Amino acid sequence: MSFFGKYNGTSNTRLLRMERLIWILIYGGLLTLVLAWFTENTQATSATGLYAVGAVAVAMGLVVFYLRSLQKEE
């Protein structure tokens, strides 16, 4: 018996799209934040915009993650 139950995904296409969108937003936002961190020394104004875009993407991913947790499998 394992601690985590086996999760094979969902067959509901709407929920599947939400799950994919969550990871795209979170990982894309984190990648953008890392890119902004590397460009901070050479182009400060571009880095500020990238920080903002990355933070918004991660925040949106977390909001969709919360909304997905409220949804029930049918």
C-alpha atoms as a PDB file:
ATOM      1  CA  MET A   1       0.000   0.000   0.000  1.00  0.00           C
ATOM      2  CA  SER A   2       1.484   3.287  -1.046  1.00  0.00           C
ATOM      3  CA  PHE A   3       1.069   6.687   0.529  1.00  0.00           C
ATOM      4  CA  PHE A   4      -0.203   8.285  -2.669  1.00  0.00           C
ATOM      5  CA  GLY A   5      -3.026   6.688  -4.597  1.00  0.00           C
ATOM      6  CA  LYS A   6      -2.487   5.940  -8.260  1.00  0.00           C
ATOM      7  CA  TYR A   7      -3.729   8.772 -10.467  1.00  0.00           C
ATOM      8  CA  ASN A   8      -4.167   7.968 -14.135  1.00  0.00           C
ATOM      9  CA  GLY A   9      -5.474  11.385 -15.088  1.00  0.00           C
ATOM     10  CA  THR A  10      -8.941  12.426 -16.035  1.00  0.00           C
ATOM     11  CA  SER A  11     -11.107  11.545 -18.977  1.00  0.00           C
ATOM     12  CA  ASN A  12     -12.930  14.893 -18.830  1.00  0.00           C
ATOM     13  CA  THR A  13     -11.443  17.125 -21.543  1.00  0.00           C
ATOM     14  CA  ARG A  14     -12.192  20.378 -19.702  1.00  0.00           C
ATOM     15  CA  LEU A  15     -10.363  19.224 -16.594  1.00  0.00           C
ATOM     16  CA  LEU A  16      -7.515  17.855 -18.690  1.00  0.00           C
ATOM     17  CA  ARG A  17      -7.074  21.265 -20.340  1.00  0.00           C
ATOM     18  CA  MET A  18      -7.040  22.923 -16.929  1.00  0.00           C
ATOM     19  CA  GLU A  19      -4.346  20.535 -15.704  1.00  0.00           C
ATOM     20  CA  ARG A  20      -2.189  21.209 -18.746  1.00  0.00           C
ATOM     21  CA  LEU A  21      -2.706  24.963 -18.423  1.00  0.00           C
ATOM     22  CA  ILE A  22      -1.630  24.859 -14.773  1.00  0.00           C
ATOM     23  CA  TRP A  23       1.766  23.366 -15.553  1.00  0.00           C
ATOM     24  CA  ILE A  24       2.339  25.531 -18.606  1.00  0.00           C
ATOM     25  CA  LEU A  25       1.683  28.683 -16.577  1.00  0.00           C
ATOM     26  CA  ILE A  26       3.737  27.641 -13.554  1.00  0.00           C
ATOM     27  CA  TYR A  27       6.778  26.305 -15.409  1.00  0.00           C
ATOM     28  CA  GLY A  28       6.627  29.043 -18.050  1.00  0.00           C
ATOM     29  CA  GLY A  29       6.445  31.703 -15.350  1.00  0.00           C
ATOM     30  CA  LEU A  30       9.358  30.194 -13.431  1.00  0.00           C
ATOM     31  CA  LEU A  31      11.419  29.982 -16.613  1.00  0.00           C
ATOM     32  CA  THR A  32      10.641  33.634 -17.336  1.00  0.00           C
ATOM     33  CA  LEU A  33      11.713  34.602 -13.814  1.00  0.00           C
ATOM     34  CA  VAL A  34      15.036  32.799 -14.276  1.00  0.00           C
ATOM     35  CA  LEU A  35      15.524  34.492 -17.637  1.00  0.00           C
ATOM     36  CA  ALA A  36      14.852  37.870 -16.020  1.00  0.00           C
ATOM     37  CA  TRP A  37      17.383  37.091 -13.306  1.00  0.00           C
ATOM     38  CA  PHE A  38      20.062  36.390 -15.929  1.00  0.00           C
ATOM     39  CA  THR A  39      19.294  39.515 -17.985  1.00  0.00           C
ATOM     40  CA  GLU A  40      19.116  41.811 -14.961  1.00  0.00           C
ATOM     41  CA  ASN A  41      22.752  42.964 -15.183  1.00  0.00           C
ATOM     42  CA  THR A  42      22.725  43.827 -18.876  1.00  0.00           C
ATOM     43  CA  GLN A  43      19.203  45.118 -19.514  1.00  0.00           C
ATOM     44  CA  ALA A  44      17.499  46.295 -16.355  1.00  0.00           C
ATOM     45  CA  THR A  45      14.319  47.568 -18.015  1.00  0.00           C
ATOM     46  CA  SER A  46      13.758  44.312 -19.897  1.00  0.00           C
ATOM     47  CA  ALA A  47      14.399  42.326 -16.732  1.00  0.00           C
ATOM     48  CA  THR A  48      11.766  44.306 -14.840  1.00  0.00           C
ATOM     49  CA  GLY A  49       9.168  43.476 -17.480  1.00  0.00           C
ATOM     50  CA  LEU A  50      10.178  39.826 -17.472  1.00  0.00           C
ATOM     51  CA  TYR A  51       9.922  39.706 -13.682  1.00  0.00           C
ATOM     52  CA  ALA A  52       6.391  41.097 -13.905  1.00  0.00           C
ATOM     53  CA  VAL A  53       5.304  38.688 -16.661  1.00  0.00           C
ATOM     54  CA  GLY A  54       6.814  35.699 -14.863  1.00  0.00           C
ATOM     55  CA  ALA A  55       5.230  36.583 -11.532  1.00  0.00           C
ATOM     56  CA  VAL A  56       1.816  37.064 -13.142  1.00  0.00           C
ATOM     57  CA  ALA A  57       2.086  33.735 -14.970  1.00  0.00           C
ATOM     58  CA  VAL A  58       3.001  31.869 -11.777  1.00  0.00           C
ATOM     59  CA  ALA A  59       0.178  33.593  -9.885  1.00  0.00           C
ATOM     60  CA  MET A  60      -2.324  32.691 -12.609  1.00  0.00           C
ATOM     61  CA  GLY A  61      -1.093  29.096 -12.526  1.00  0.00           C
ATOM     62  CA  LEU A  62      -1.675  28.944  -8.785  1.00  0.00           C
ATOM     63  CA  VAL A  63      -5.170  30.401  -9.162  1.00  0.00           C
ATOM     64  CA  VAL A  64      -6.066  27.827 -11.823  1.00  0.00           C
ATOM     65  CA  PHE A  65      -4.544  25.140  -9.570  1.00  0.00           C
ATOM     66  CA  TYR A  66      -6.870  26.227  -6.766  1.00  0.00           C
ATOM     67  CA  LEU A  67      -9.882  26.324  -9.078  1.00  0.00           C
ATOM     68  CA  ARG A  68      -9.024  22.837 -10.359  1.00  0.00           C
ATOM     69  CA  SER A  69      -8.920  21.550  -6.781  1.00  0.00           C
ATOM     70  CA  LEU A  70     -12.522  22.668  -6.339  1.00  0.00           C
ATOM     71  CA  GLN A  71     -13.709  20.745  -9.411  1.00  0.00           C
ATOM     72  CA  LYS A  72     -15.058  17.211  -9.035  1.00  0.00           C
ATOM     73  CA  GLU A  73     -14.530  14.366 -11.462  1.00  0.00           C
ATOM     74  CA  GLU A  74     -17.823  13.371 -13.052  1.00  0.00           C
END
